[in-house]
Amino acid sequence: MSTELCTLNYHDYIQLDKILNAQDLESVKAGKPAHDESLFIVIHQTYELWFKQLHTEIDSALLLLKNPSLNDNSPELQTLVHRLDRCGTILKVLVHQIDIMETMTASDFLEFRNLLRPASGFQSWQFKELEAKLGLKYAHRHGQDYYLSQLRPQQVELIRRAESSASLLELLNGWLERMPFLDREAADFLPAYREAFLASLSKEEEAAVAAFEKVFTEVSAERSLSPRACRAALFIMLHRGYPLLHLPYRLLNALLEIDDQLSLWRYRHMNMVQRVIGIRMGTGGSTGRDYLKGAADKHYIFREIAELTSFLMEPGKVPMLSSEAQRLLGFQFSK
C-alpha cells in the first residue's frame, strides 16, 4: 500500500478544526457569557447541515424523476424510494432535536436573545429553497411579502430559481400520468370503482360525489395533480399488494411521510417559540408564533396525495381487475 493512501486522517477528512471553531458566541463578545448560547448555535448549525443533506437527496430524486424512461420495475425506482425514505428519517431527527432545544428555558434564552437581532432562523434560505424544490410555490406560501425580505440577493436568487424549476411535486405528476395501466387492461377501472365507491357512501357523505368528479375527471388550475395523475395514484393505493405496484406505493408513502415530518417540525417549532418568547416578535422581525402557525397550517406540499385516501373503501368491495391486468401486475415466470 502506498504512503499516500495512509496519510488521510479522520480529523482532517471531516475538517474537525473548522467545525469545532465555528461557534462564535455573541454573549462572549459582549463580555457576558451565556451558557446556553453554545447549545443554541450548535443546534442551528446541525439543522443547516441536515438541510444540506436533504438538498443532496432531493436533487438526486429530481434527476431520477426527470428521466422520461424511468422503469417502474427497476433499481432506479428502488433508489428513488430509498432516498426519499432517507429524507423522512432525516426530518425525524430534526424534530427530535427540538427536545434538546427545549432544555433551554425562557430565562436562559433571554440572557443572549437581544444580542442576536436581526439574525433569525427565519433567514434559513436552505430551508426555503428545499420547500421550493419539493413543490411549495410562491402563490401557496404564507406571508408572501415577508418570507424573502430578510435574505441576501444571492439567496433570493437561489430560491427563485428553485421555484421556477420543475419541482418534485410536478415531476411526480408527470410520472403518475405515464403509468401504462391507465391505457391498457386497467383503463376502465375508474367507472367500475366509481360505481362501487358511490354505492358505499352514506347519505351524510353525499359531498364526496362531487369531490370524486372534481379530483378524477375535471381539470382545475387550482390543483397540482391532474385527474389522470390522481387516477394513477388511486390505482396504486388500491392495488398496492401487487408486486409491480409495491415500490410506487412506497414512493407515495415516502412523500406523505416527508409532509408529516415537516408539519410536525413546524408545529413543534411553533410550540417551542411560544414557550420561550410567548407572543413577542421574533428576532428577525416576524410575528413569531403567529407566523409559524400560519405556515404550519398552509404548507402541506403533498396534500393532494393525502386527500386521495378519502376515496378508498374496504378491500372486499373493490372491483376485481381482469385476469390479464393481474398477470401483468404480478410476478411473471417463463419456462
C-alpha atoms as a PDB file:
ATOM      1  CA  MET A   1       0.000   0.000   0.000  1.00  0.00           C
ATOM      2  CA  SER A   2       1.415   3.417  -0.938  1.00  0.00           C
ATOM      3  CA  THR A   3       2.242   6.053   1.676  1.00  0.00           C
ATOM      4  CA  GLU A   4      -0.275   8.456   0.122  1.00  0.00           C
ATOM      5  CA  LEU A   5      -3.145   6.079   0.881  1.00  0.00           C
ATOM      6  CA  CYS A   6      -2.206   6.054   4.565  1.00  0.00           C
ATOM      7  CA  THR A   7      -1.994   9.807   5.124  1.00  0.00           C
ATOM      8  CA  LEU A   8      -5.710  10.637   5.252  1.00  0.00           C
ATOM      9  CA  ASN A   9      -6.701  11.315   8.852  1.00  0.00           C
ATOM     10  CA  TYR A  10     -10.235  11.302  10.283  1.00  0.00           C
ATOM     11  CA  HIS A  11      -9.715  14.710  11.886  1.00  0.00           C
ATOM     12  CA  ASP A  12      -8.641  16.222   8.570  1.00  0.00           C
ATOM     13  CA  TYR A  13     -11.199  14.329   6.461  1.00  0.00           C
ATOM     14  CA  ILE A  14     -14.199  15.822   8.286  1.00  0.00           C
ATOM     15  CA  GLN A  15     -12.404  19.171   8.770  1.00  0.00           C
ATOM     16  CA  LEU A  16     -12.946  18.989  12.502  1.00  0.00           C
ATOM     17  CA  ASP A  17     -10.992  22.170  13.247  1.00  0.00           C
ATOM     18  CA  LYS A  18     -13.456  24.205  11.163  1.00  0.00           C
ATOM     19  CA  ILE A  19     -16.449  22.561  12.802  1.00  0.00           C
ATOM     20  CA  LEU A  20     -15.262  22.891  16.415  1.00  0.00           C
ATOM     21  CA  ASN A  21     -14.210  26.505  15.933  1.00  0.00           C
ATOM     22  CA  ALA A  22     -17.387  27.611  14.159  1.00  0.00           C
ATOM     23  CA  GLN A  23     -19.190  28.676  17.363  1.00  0.00           C
ATOM     24  CA  ASP A  24     -18.600  32.408  17.864  1.00  0.00           C
ATOM     25  CA  LEU A  25     -20.719  33.459  20.834  1.00  0.00           C
ATOM     26  CA  GLU A  26     -22.139  36.988  20.804  1.00  0.00           C
ATOM     27  CA  SER A  27     -22.520  36.919  24.578  1.00  0.00           C
ATOM     28  CA  VAL A  28     -18.777  36.322  24.969  1.00  0.00           C
ATOM     29  CA  LYS A  29     -18.055  39.251  22.663  1.00  0.00           C
ATOM     30  CA  ALA A  30     -20.327  41.396  24.849  1.00  0.00           C
ATOM     31  CA  GLY A  31     -18.411  40.334  27.966  1.00  0.00           C
ATOM     32  CA  LYS A  32     -21.395  38.492  29.485  1.00  0.00           C
ATOM     33  CA  PRO A  33     -21.025  34.799  28.529  1.00  0.00           C
ATOM     34  CA  ALA A  34     -24.378  32.980  28.331  1.00  0.00           C
ATOM     35  CA  HIS A  35     -24.030  29.253  28.885  1.00  0.00           C
ATOM     36  CA  ASP A  36     -26.894  28.223  26.574  1.00  0.00           C
ATOM     37  CA  GLU A  37     -25.778  30.245  23.558  1.00  0.00           C
ATOM     38  CA  SER A  38     -23.355  27.477  22.643  1.00  0.00           C
ATOM     39  CA  LEU A  39     -26.233  24.979  22.584  1.00  0.00           C
ATOM     40  CA  PHE A  40     -28.311  27.387  20.502  1.00  0.00           C
ATOM     41  CA  ILE A  41     -25.591  27.746  17.861  1.00  0.00           C
ATOM     42  CA  VAL A  42     -24.734  24.037  17.675  1.00  0.00           C
ATOM     43  CA  ILE A  43     -28.393  23.075  17.233  1.00  0.00           C
ATOM     44  CA  HIS A  44     -28.876  25.523  14.373  1.00  0.00           C
ATOM     45  CA  GLN A  45     -25.604  24.597  12.695  1.00  0.00           C
ATOM     46  CA  THR A  46     -26.682  20.962  12.834  1.00  0.00           C
ATOM     47  CA  TYR A  47     -30.032  21.886  11.277  1.00  0.00           C
ATOM     48  CA  GLU A  48     -28.269  23.582   8.381  1.00  0.00           C
ATOM     49  CA  LEU A  49     -26.007  20.553   7.818  1.00  0.00           C
ATOM     50  CA  TRP A  50     -29.051  18.295   7.667  1.00  0.00           C
ATOM     51  CA  PHE A  51     -30.757  20.737   5.300  1.00  0.00           C
ATOM     52  CA  LYS A  52     -27.702  20.450   3.044  1.00  0.00           C
ATOM     53  CA  GLN A  53     -28.026  16.655   3.057  1.00  0.00           C
ATOM     54  CA  LEU A  54     -31.742  16.908   2.313  1.00  0.00           C
ATOM     55  CA  HIS A  55     -30.867  19.001  -0.740  1.00  0.00           C
ATOM     56  CA  THR A  56     -28.452  16.274  -1.856  1.00  0.00           C
ATOM     57  CA  GLU A  57     -31.172  13.618  -1.582  1.00  0.00           C
ATOM     58  CA  ILE A  58     -33.918  15.702  -3.219  1.00  0.00           C
ATOM     59  CA  ASP A  59     -31.625  16.794  -6.077  1.00  0.00           C
ATOM     60  CA  SER A  60     -30.909  13.139  -6.846  1.00  0.00           C
ATOM     61  CA  ALA A  61     -34.640  12.356  -6.711  1.00  0.00           C
ATOM     62  CA  LEU A  62     -35.348  15.199  -9.147  1.00  0.00           C
ATOM     63  CA  LEU A  63     -32.789  13.843 -11.597  1.00  0.00           C
ATOM     64  CA  LEU A  64     -34.305  10.362 -11.463  1.00  0.00           C
ATOM     65  CA  LEU A  65     -37.863  11.617 -11.972  1.00  0.00           C
ATOM     66  CA  LYS A  66     -36.816  13.857 -14.855  1.00  0.00           C
ATOM     67  CA  ASN A  67     -35.903  10.729 -16.784  1.00  0.00           C
ATOM     68  CA  PRO A  68     -38.917  10.101 -19.071  1.00  0.00           C
ATOM     69  CA  SER A  69     -37.976   6.442 -19.392  1.00  0.00           C
ATOM     70  CA  LEU A  70     -37.809   5.708 -15.654  1.00  0.00           C
ATOM     71  CA  ASN A  71     -38.542   1.990 -15.367  1.00  0.00           C
ATOM     72  CA  ASP A  72     -41.044   1.373 -12.587  1.00  0.00           C
ATOM     73  CA  ASN A  73     -39.752  -2.159 -12.203  1.00  0.00           C
ATOM     74  CA  SER A  74     -36.054  -1.314 -11.972  1.00  0.00           C
ATOM     75  CA  PRO A  75     -33.270  -0.491  -9.483  1.00  0.00           C
ATOM     76  CA  GLU A  76     -33.762   3.191 -10.391  1.00  0.00           C
ATOM     77  CA  LEU A  77     -37.159   3.292  -8.714  1.00  0.00           C
ATOM     78  CA  GLN A  78     -35.743   1.432  -5.714  1.00  0.00           C
ATOM     79  CA  THR A  79     -33.023   4.099  -5.455  1.00  0.00           C
ATOM     80  CA  LEU A  80     -35.606   6.882  -5.668  1.00  0.00           C
ATOM     81  CA  VAL A  81     -37.743   5.375  -2.907  1.00  0.00           C
ATOM     82  CA  HIS A  82     -34.684   4.693  -0.744  1.00  0.00           C
ATOM     83  CA  ARG A  83     -33.525   8.311  -0.934  1.00  0.00           C
ATOM     84  CA  LEU A  84     -36.979   9.712  -0.246  1.00  0.00           C
ATOM     85  CA  ASP A  85     -37.271   7.379   2.751  1.00  0.00           C
ATOM     86  CA  ARG A  86     -33.929   8.748   3.941  1.00  0.00           C
ATOM     87  CA  CYS A  87     -35.356  12.273   3.742  1.00  0.00           C
ATOM     88  CA  GLY A  88     -38.182  11.234   6.053  1.00  0.00           C
ATOM     89  CA  THR A  89     -35.712   9.738   8.515  1.00  0.00           C
ATOM     90  CA  ILE A  90     -33.551  12.881   8.490  1.00  0.00           C
ATOM     91  CA  LEU A  91     -36.640  15.006   9.161  1.00  0.00           C
ATOM     92  CA  LYS A  92     -37.464  12.810  12.156  1.00  0.00           C
ATOM     93  CA  VAL A  93     -34.018  13.671  13.542  1.00  0.00           C
ATOM     94  CA  LEU A  94     -34.758  17.381  13.029  1.00  0.00           C
ATOM     95  CA  VAL A  95     -37.966  17.004  15.027  1.00  0.00           C
ATOM     96  CA  HIS A  96     -36.166  15.199  17.863  1.00  0.00           C
ATOM     97  CA  GLN A  97     -33.523  17.929  18.035  1.00  0.00           C
ATOM     98  CA  ILE A  98     -36.257  20.210  19.375  1.00  0.00           C
ATOM     99  CA  ASP A  99     -36.220  18.013  22.507  1.00  0.00           C
ATOM    100  CA  ILE A 100     -32.677  19.225  23.113  1.00  0.00           C
ATOM    101  CA  MET A 101     -33.536  22.840  22.364  1.00  0.00           C
ATOM    102  CA  GLU A 102     -36.402  22.677  24.841  1.00  0.00           C
ATOM    103  CA  THR A 103     -33.950  22.032  27.676  1.00  0.00           C
ATOM    104  CA  MET A 104     -33.168  25.759  27.338  1.00  0.00           C
ATOM    105  CA  THR A 105     -35.594  27.797  29.443  1.00  0.00           C
ATOM    106  CA  ALA A 106     -37.064  31.172  28.532  1.00  0.00           C
ATOM    107  CA  SER A 107     -34.744  32.863  31.043  1.00  0.00           C
ATOM    108  CA  ASP A 108     -31.734  31.057  29.577  1.00  0.00           C
ATOM    109  CA  PHE A 109     -32.621  32.388  26.123  1.00  0.00           C
ATOM    110  CA  LEU A 110     -33.201  35.945  27.358  1.00  0.00           C
ATOM    111  CA  GLU A 111     -29.569  36.081  28.501  1.00  0.00           C
ATOM    112  CA  PHE A 112     -28.468  36.446  24.889  1.00  0.00           C
ATOM    113  CA  ARG A 113     -31.609  36.864  22.745  1.00  0.00           C
ATOM    114  CA  ASN A 114     -31.312  40.613  22.178  1.00  0.00           C
ATOM    115  CA  LEU A 115     -27.711  40.182  21.001  1.00  0.00           C
ATOM    116  CA  LEU A 116     -28.952  38.170  18.007  1.00  0.00           C
ATOM    117  CA  ARG A 117     -31.052  40.873  16.344  1.00  0.00           C
ATOM    118  CA  PRO A 118     -31.779  40.934  13.451  1.00  0.00           C
ATOM    119  CA  ALA A 119     -30.482  37.357  12.902  1.00  0.00           C
ATOM    120  CA  SER A 120     -33.243  34.739  12.901  1.00  0.00           C
ATOM    121  CA  GLY A 121     -33.883  31.147  11.895  1.00  0.00           C
ATOM    122  CA  PHE A 122     -36.408  32.697   9.510  1.00  0.00           C
ATOM    123  CA  GLN A 123     -33.377  33.622   7.393  1.00  0.00           C
ATOM    124  CA  SER A 124     -32.591  29.972   6.653  1.00  0.00           C
ATOM    125  CA  TRP A 125     -32.510  30.188   2.863  1.00  0.00           C
ATOM    126  CA  GLN A 126     -31.646  26.477   2.629  1.00  0.00           C
ATOM    127  CA  PHE A 127     -34.986  25.526   4.170  1.00  0.00           C
ATOM    128  CA  LYS A 128     -36.978  27.870   1.916  1.00  0.00           C
ATOM    129  CA  GLU A 129     -35.133  26.550  -1.136  1.00  0.00           C
ATOM    130  CA  LEU A 130     -35.856  22.991  -0.021  1.00  0.00           C
ATOM    131  CA  GLU A 131     -39.582  23.751   0.254  1.00  0.00           C
ATOM    132  CA  ALA A 132     -39.492  25.169  -3.284  1.00  0.00           C
ATOM    133  CA  LYS A 133     -37.728  22.091  -4.663  1.00  0.00           C
ATOM    134  CA  LEU A 134     -40.353  19.870  -3.067  1.00  0.00           C
ATOM    135  CA  GLY A 135     -43.157  21.863  -4.664  1.00  0.00           C
ATOM    136  CA  LEU A 136     -44.197  24.781  -2.453  1.00  0.00           C
ATOM    137  CA  LYS A 137     -44.902  27.620  -4.888  1.00  0.00           C
ATOM    138  CA  TYR A 138     -44.941  31.331  -4.086  1.00  0.00           C
ATOM    139  CA  ALA A 139     -48.709  31.508  -4.618  1.00  0.00           C
ATOM    140  CA  HIS A 140     -49.248  28.956  -1.855  1.00  0.00           C
ATOM    141  CA  ARG A 141     -46.865  30.439   0.700  1.00  0.00           C
ATOM    142  CA  HIS A 142     -47.943  32.038   3.945  1.00  0.00           C
ATOM    143  CA  GLY A 143     -46.576  35.558   4.431  1.00  0.00           C
ATOM    144  CA  GLN A 144     -45.619  36.110   0.799  1.00  0.00           C
ATOM    145  CA  ASP A 145     -44.487  39.712   1.312  1.00  0.00           C
ATOM    146  CA  TYR A 146     -42.199  38.796   4.173  1.00  0.00           C
ATOM    147  CA  TYR A 147     -40.658  35.421   3.502  1.00  0.00           C
ATOM    148  CA  LEU A 148     -37.778  36.712   1.318  1.00  0.00           C
ATOM    149  CA  SER A 149     -37.381  40.153   2.891  1.00  0.00           C
ATOM    150  CA  GLN A 150     -34.621  39.158   5.299  1.00  0.00           C
ATOM    151  CA  LEU A 151     -32.452  37.310   2.777  1.00  0.00           C
ATOM    152  CA  ARG A 152     -29.453  38.415   0.749  1.00  0.00           C
ATOM    153  CA  PRO A 153     -29.916  38.895  -3.030  1.00  0.00           C
ATOM    154  CA  GLN A 154     -27.935  35.771  -3.966  1.00  0.00           C
ATOM    155  CA  GLN A 155     -30.053  33.704  -1.560  1.00  0.00           C
ATOM    156  CA  VAL A 156     -33.278  35.091  -3.034  1.00  0.00           C
ATOM    157  CA  GLU A 157     -31.992  34.169  -6.491  1.00  0.00           C
ATOM    158  CA  LEU A 158     -31.433  30.549  -5.420  1.00  0.00           C
ATOM    159  CA  ILE A 159     -34.986  30.296  -4.104  1.00  0.00           C
ATOM    160  CA  ARG A 160     -36.499  31.965  -7.168  1.00  0.00           C
ATOM    161  CA  ARG A 161     -34.573  29.575  -9.402  1.00  0.00           C
ATOM    162  CA  ALA A 162     -35.915  26.601  -7.438  1.00  0.00           C
ATOM    163  CA  GLU A 163     -39.471  27.970  -7.689  1.00  0.00           C
ATOM    164  CA  SER A 164     -39.197  28.319 -11.467  1.00  0.00           C
ATOM    165  CA  SER A 165     -37.708  24.836 -11.965  1.00  0.00           C
ATOM    166  CA  ALA A 166     -39.640  21.567 -12.139  1.00  0.00           C
ATOM    167  CA  SER A 167     -40.378  20.581  -8.545  1.00  0.00           C
ATOM    168  CA  LEU A 168     -40.668  17.113  -7.067  1.00  0.00           C
ATOM    169  CA  LEU A 169     -44.458  17.516  -6.990  1.00  0.00           C
ATOM    170  CA  GLU A 170     -44.592  18.497 -10.668  1.00  0.00           C
ATOM    171  CA  LEU A 171     -42.310  15.650 -11.710  1.00  0.00           C
ATOM    172  CA  LEU A 172     -44.416  13.269  -9.633  1.00  0.00           C
ATOM    173  CA  ASN A 173     -47.457  14.401 -11.605  1.00  0.00           C
ATOM    174  CA  GLY A 174     -45.687  13.571 -14.870  1.00  0.00           C
ATOM    175  CA  TRP A 175     -44.544  10.186 -13.572  1.00  0.00           C
ATOM    176  CA  LEU A 176     -48.061   9.260 -12.481  1.00  0.00           C
ATOM    177  CA  GLU A 177     -49.509  10.361 -15.812  1.00  0.00           C
ATOM    178  CA  ARG A 178     -47.147   7.968 -17.593  1.00  0.00           C
ATOM    179  CA  MET A 179     -48.454   4.908 -15.719  1.00  0.00           C
ATOM    180  CA  PRO A 180     -49.130   2.428 -18.550  1.00  0.00           C
ATOM    181  CA  PHE A 181     -52.022   0.590 -16.891  1.00  0.00           C
ATOM    182  CA  LEU A 182     -54.297   3.592 -17.375  1.00  0.00           C
ATOM    183  CA  ASP A 183     -54.211   2.941 -21.128  1.00  0.00           C
ATOM    184  CA  ARG A 184     -54.340  -0.840 -21.084  1.00  0.00           C
ATOM    185  CA  GLU A 185     -56.099  -3.563 -19.084  1.00  0.00           C
ATOM    186  CA  ALA A 186     -56.914  -1.248 -16.179  1.00  0.00           C
ATOM    187  CA  ALA A 187     -58.179   1.626 -18.327  1.00  0.00           C
ATOM    188  CA  ASP A 188     -61.779   1.070 -17.292  1.00  0.00           C
ATOM    189  CA  PHE A 189     -61.119   0.569 -13.588  1.00  0.00           C
ATOM    190  CA  LEU A 190     -62.362   4.072 -12.661  1.00  0.00           C
ATOM    191  CA  PRO A 191     -66.001   3.737 -13.882  1.00  0.00           C
ATOM    192  CA  ALA A 192     -66.370   0.404 -12.074  1.00  0.00           C
ATOM    193  CA  TYR A 193     -64.680   1.739  -8.964  1.00  0.00           C
ATOM    194  CA  ARG A 194     -66.720   4.953  -9.018  1.00  0.00           C
ATOM    195  CA  GLU A 195     -69.953   2.966  -9.063  1.00  0.00           C
ATOM    196  CA  ALA A 196     -68.845   0.774  -6.167  1.00  0.00           C
ATOM    197  CA  PHE A 197     -67.476   3.734  -4.182  1.00  0.00           C
ATOM    198  CA  LEU A 198     -70.585   5.867  -4.542  1.00  0.00           C
ATOM    199  CA  ALA A 199     -72.775   2.914  -3.591  1.00  0.00           C
ATOM    200  CA  SER A 200     -70.783   2.558  -0.368  1.00  0.00           C
ATOM    201  CA  LEU A 201     -71.421   6.145   0.770  1.00  0.00           C
ATOM    202  CA  SER A 202     -73.968   7.069   3.403  1.00  0.00           C
ATOM    203  CA  LYS A 203     -76.394   9.954   2.964  1.00  0.00           C
ATOM    204  CA  GLU A 204     -74.146  12.083   5.172  1.00  0.00           C
ATOM    205  CA  GLU A 205     -71.275  11.609   2.704  1.00  0.00           C
ATOM    206  CA  GLU A 206     -73.016  12.874  -0.433  1.00  0.00           C
ATOM    207  CA  ALA A 207     -70.440  15.675  -0.776  1.00  0.00           C
ATOM    208  CA  ALA A 208     -67.931  13.006  -1.723  1.00  0.00           C
ATOM    209  CA  VAL A 209     -69.759  12.504  -5.030  1.00  0.00           C
ATOM    210  CA  ALA A 210     -68.919  15.986  -6.306  1.00  0.00           C
ATOM    211  CA  ALA A 211     -65.417  15.708  -4.853  1.00  0.00           C
ATOM    212  CA  PHE A 212     -64.849  12.447  -6.733  1.00  0.00           C
ATOM    213  CA  GLU A 213     -65.671  14.070 -10.057  1.00  0.00           C
ATOM    214  CA  LYS A 214     -63.540  17.141  -9.314  1.00  0.00           C
ATOM    215  CA  VAL A 215     -60.451  15.107  -8.429  1.00  0.00           C
ATOM    216  CA  PHE A 216     -60.602  12.338 -11.031  1.00  0.00           C
ATOM    217  CA  THR A 217     -62.294  13.859 -14.086  1.00  0.00           C
ATOM    218  CA  GLU A 218     -62.269  17.688 -14.001  1.00  0.00           C
ATOM    219  CA  VAL A 219     -59.164  19.678 -14.941  1.00  0.00           C
ATOM    220  CA  SER A 220     -58.512  22.535 -12.487  1.00  0.00           C
ATOM    221  CA  ALA A 221     -55.774  25.161 -12.455  1.00  0.00           C
ATOM    222  CA  GLU A 222     -56.071  25.210  -8.672  1.00  0.00           C
ATOM    223  CA  ARG A 223     -54.748  21.664  -8.327  1.00  0.00           C
ATOM    224  CA  SER A 224     -51.159  20.438  -8.677  1.00  0.00           C
ATOM    225  CA  LEU A 225     -52.092  16.887  -9.684  1.00  0.00           C
ATOM    226  CA  SER A 226     -54.035  16.293 -12.893  1.00  0.00           C
ATOM    227  CA  PRO A 227     -57.098  13.997 -12.948  1.00  0.00           C
ATOM    228  CA  ARG A 228     -55.037  11.400 -14.829  1.00  0.00           C
ATOM    229  CA  ALA A 229     -52.279  11.518 -12.200  1.00  0.00           C
ATOM    230  CA  CYS A 230     -54.870  11.192  -9.435  1.00  0.00           C
ATOM    231  CA  ARG A 231     -56.412   8.160 -11.144  1.00  0.00           C
ATOM    232  CA  ALA A 232     -52.957   6.562 -11.313  1.00  0.00           C
ATOM    233  CA  ALA A 233     -52.237   7.319  -7.640  1.00  0.00           C
ATOM    234  CA  LEU A 234     -55.617   5.893  -6.609  1.00  0.00           C
ATOM    235  CA  PHE A 235     -54.947   2.783  -8.684  1.00  0.00           C
ATOM    236  CA  ILE A 236     -51.585   2.344  -6.933  1.00  0.00           C
ATOM    237  CA  MET A 237     -53.173   2.735  -3.488  1.00  0.00           C
ATOM    238  CA  LEU A 238     -55.977   0.292  -4.276  1.00  0.00           C
ATOM    239  CA  HIS A 239     -53.741  -2.408  -5.724  1.00  0.00           C
ATOM    240  CA  ARG A 240     -50.505  -1.857  -3.771  1.00  0.00           C
ATOM    241  CA  GLY A 241     -50.353  -5.570  -2.911  1.00  0.00           C
ATOM    242  CA  TYR A 242     -49.330  -6.472  -6.455  1.00  0.00           C
ATOM    243  CA  PRO A 243     -45.521  -6.737  -6.826  1.00  0.00           C
ATOM    244  CA  LEU A 244     -45.266  -4.204  -9.642  1.00  0.00           C
ATOM    245  CA  LEU A 245     -47.048  -1.558  -7.566  1.00  0.00           C
ATOM    246  CA  HIS A 246     -45.210  -2.123  -4.312  1.00  0.00           C
ATOM    247  CA  LEU A 247     -42.437   0.416  -4.991  1.00  0.00           C
ATOM    248  CA  PRO A 248     -44.790   3.052  -6.499  1.00  0.00           C
ATOM    249  CA  TYR A 249     -46.895   2.798  -3.337  1.00  0.00           C
ATOM    250  CA  ARG A 250     -43.814   3.176  -1.159  1.00  0.00           C
ATOM    251  CA  LEU A 251     -42.872   6.269  -3.169  1.00  0.00           C
ATOM    252  CA  LEU A 252     -46.243   7.886  -2.467  1.00  0.00           C
ATOM    253  CA  ASN A 253     -45.982   6.910   1.177  1.00  0.00           C
ATOM    254  CA  ALA A 254     -42.473   8.377   1.424  1.00  0.00           C
ATOM    255  CA  LEU A 255     -43.772  11.738   0.184  1.00  0.00           C
ATOM    256  CA  LEU A 256     -46.587  11.682   2.742  1.00  0.00           C
ATOM    257  CA  GLU A 257     -44.008  10.917   5.444  1.00  0.00           C
ATOM    258  CA  ILE A 258     -41.935  13.918   4.349  1.00  0.00           C
ATOM    259  CA  ASP A 259     -45.010  16.149   4.603  1.00  0.00           C
ATOM    260  CA  ASP A 260     -45.934  14.675   8.007  1.00  0.00           C
ATOM    261  CA  GLN A 261     -42.457  15.250   9.416  1.00  0.00           C
ATOM    262  CA  LEU A 262     -42.258  18.795   8.013  1.00  0.00           C
ATOM    263  CA  SER A 263     -45.631  19.531   9.571  1.00  0.00           C
ATOM    264  CA  LEU A 264     -44.590  18.041  12.900  1.00  0.00           C
ATOM    265  CA  TRP A 265     -41.333  20.036  12.816  1.00  0.00           C
ATOM    266  CA  ARG A 266     -43.237  23.267  12.183  1.00  0.00           C
ATOM    267  CA  TYR A 267     -45.720  22.641  14.997  1.00  0.00           C
ATOM    268  CA  ARG A 268     -43.012  21.607  17.460  1.00  0.00           C
ATOM    269  CA  HIS A 269     -41.056  24.722  16.491  1.00  0.00           C
ATOM    270  CA  MET A 270     -44.164  26.872  16.937  1.00  0.00           C
ATOM    271  CA  ASN A 271     -44.897  25.457  20.394  1.00  0.00           C
ATOM    272  CA  MET A 272     -41.269  25.839  21.445  1.00  0.00           C
ATOM    273  CA  VAL A 273     -41.306  29.500  20.367  1.00  0.00           C
ATOM    274  CA  GLN A 274     -44.485  30.073  22.367  1.00  0.00           C
ATOM    275  CA  ARG A 275     -42.847  28.571  25.460  1.00  0.00           C
ATOM    276  CA  VAL A 276     -39.682  30.624  25.090  1.00  0.00           C
ATOM    277  CA  ILE A 277     -40.811  34.078  23.860  1.00  0.00           C
ATOM    278  CA  GLY A 278     -44.610  33.940  24.227  1.00  0.00           C
ATOM    279  CA  ILE A 279     -46.356  36.463  21.967  1.00  0.00           C
ATOM    280  CA  ARG A 280     -43.264  38.602  21.378  1.00  0.00           C
ATOM    281  CA  MET A 281     -41.893  39.204  17.876  1.00  0.00           C
ATOM    282  CA  GLY A 282     -39.071  37.068  16.507  1.00  0.00           C
ATOM    283  CA  THR A 283     -35.568  38.488  16.428  1.00  0.00           C
ATOM    284  CA  GLY A 284     -35.836  38.784  12.638  1.00  0.00           C
ATOM    285  CA  GLY A 285     -38.985  40.913  12.881  1.00  0.00           C
ATOM    286  CA  SER A 286     -41.573  38.214  12.173  1.00  0.00           C
ATOM    287  CA  THR A 287     -44.752  37.836  14.205  1.00  0.00           C
ATOM    288  CA  GLY A 288     -43.178  34.849  15.955  1.00  0.00           C
ATOM    289  CA  ARG A 289     -45.671  32.144  16.843  1.00  0.00           C
ATOM    290  CA  ASP A 290     -48.451  33.576  14.629  1.00  0.00           C
ATOM    291  CA  TYR A 291     -46.271  33.396  11.526  1.00  0.00           C
ATOM    292  CA  LEU A 292     -45.160  29.847  12.353  1.00  0.00           C
ATOM    293  CA  LYS A 293     -48.765  28.757  12.902  1.00  0.00           C
ATOM    294  CA  GLY A 294     -49.837  30.216   9.552  1.00  0.00           C
ATOM    295  CA  ALA A 295     -47.039  28.391   7.754  1.00  0.00           C
ATOM    296  CA  ALA A 296     -47.760  25.141   9.602  1.00  0.00           C
ATOM    297  CA  ASP A 297     -51.453  25.276   8.619  1.00  0.00           C
ATOM    298  CA  LYS A 298     -50.827  26.144   4.954  1.00  0.00           C
ATOM    299  CA  HIS A 299     -47.582  24.482   3.845  1.00  0.00           C
ATOM    300  CA  TYR A 300     -48.729  20.929   3.079  1.00  0.00           C
ATOM    301  CA  ILE A 301     -46.899  20.200  -0.158  1.00  0.00           C
ATOM    302  CA  PHE A 302     -48.303  16.732  -0.885  1.00  0.00           C
ATOM    303  CA  ARG A 303     -51.780  17.412   0.475  1.00  0.00           C
ATOM    304  CA  GLU A 304     -53.490  16.215  -2.722  1.00  0.00           C
ATOM    305  CA  ILE A 305     -51.943  12.768  -2.373  1.00  0.00           C
ATOM    306  CA  ALA A 306     -53.108  12.529   1.227  1.00  0.00           C
ATOM    307  CA  GLU A 307     -56.630  13.579   0.232  1.00  0.00           C
ATOM    308  CA  LEU A 308     -56.929  10.587  -2.110  1.00  0.00           C
ATOM    309  CA  THR A 309     -57.473   8.397   0.949  1.00  0.00           C
ATOM    310  CA  SER A 310     -60.928   9.998   1.106  1.00  0.00           C
ATOM    311  CA  PHE A 311     -61.846   7.863  -1.896  1.00  0.00           C
ATOM    312  CA  LEU A 312     -60.685   4.489  -0.607  1.00  0.00           C
ATOM    313  CA  MET A 313     -63.065   1.804   0.559  1.00  0.00           C
ATOM    314  CA  GLU A 314     -62.696  -1.554   2.225  1.00  0.00           C
ATOM    315  CA  PRO A 315     -60.696  -4.030   0.073  1.00  0.00           C
ATOM    316  CA  GLY A 316     -63.513  -6.563  -0.186  1.00  0.00           C
ATOM    317  CA  LYS A 317     -65.679  -4.077  -2.092  1.00  0.00           C
ATOM    318  CA  VAL A 318     -63.040  -3.012  -4.625  1.00  0.00           C
ATOM    319  CA  PRO A 319     -63.931  -4.340  -8.122  1.00  0.00           C
ATOM    320  CA  MET A 320     -61.672  -7.149  -9.319  1.00  0.00           C
ATOM    321  CA  LEU A 321     -59.117  -6.456 -12.033  1.00  0.00           C
ATOM    322  CA  SER A 322     -59.134  -8.523 -15.182  1.00  0.00           C
ATOM    323  CA  SER A 323     -57.021 -11.649 -15.170  1.00  0.00           C
ATOM    324  CA  GLU A 324     -54.686 -10.056 -17.711  1.00  0.00           C
ATOM    325  CA  ALA A 325     -54.169  -6.974 -15.522  1.00  0.00           C
ATOM    326  CA  GLN A 326     -53.481  -9.210 -12.516  1.00  0.00           C
ATOM    327  CA  ARG A 327     -50.961 -11.153 -14.548  1.00  0.00           C
ATOM    328  CA  LEU A 328     -49.117  -8.011 -15.633  1.00  0.00           C
ATOM    329  CA  LEU A 329     -49.049  -6.617 -12.111  1.00  0.00           C
ATOM    330  CA  GLY A 330     -47.762  -9.858 -10.608  1.00  0.00           C
ATOM    331  CA  PHE A 331     -44.622 -11.893 -10.941  1.00  0.00           C
ATOM    332  CA  GLN A 332     -44.132 -13.422 -14.368  1.00  0.00           C
ATOM    333  CA  PHE A 333     -42.261 -16.648 -14.982  1.00  0.00           C
ATOM    334  CA  SER A 334     -41.442 -18.140 -18.349  1.00  0.00           C
ATOM    335  CA  LYS A 335     -40.367 -21.699 -18.996  1.00  0.00           C
END
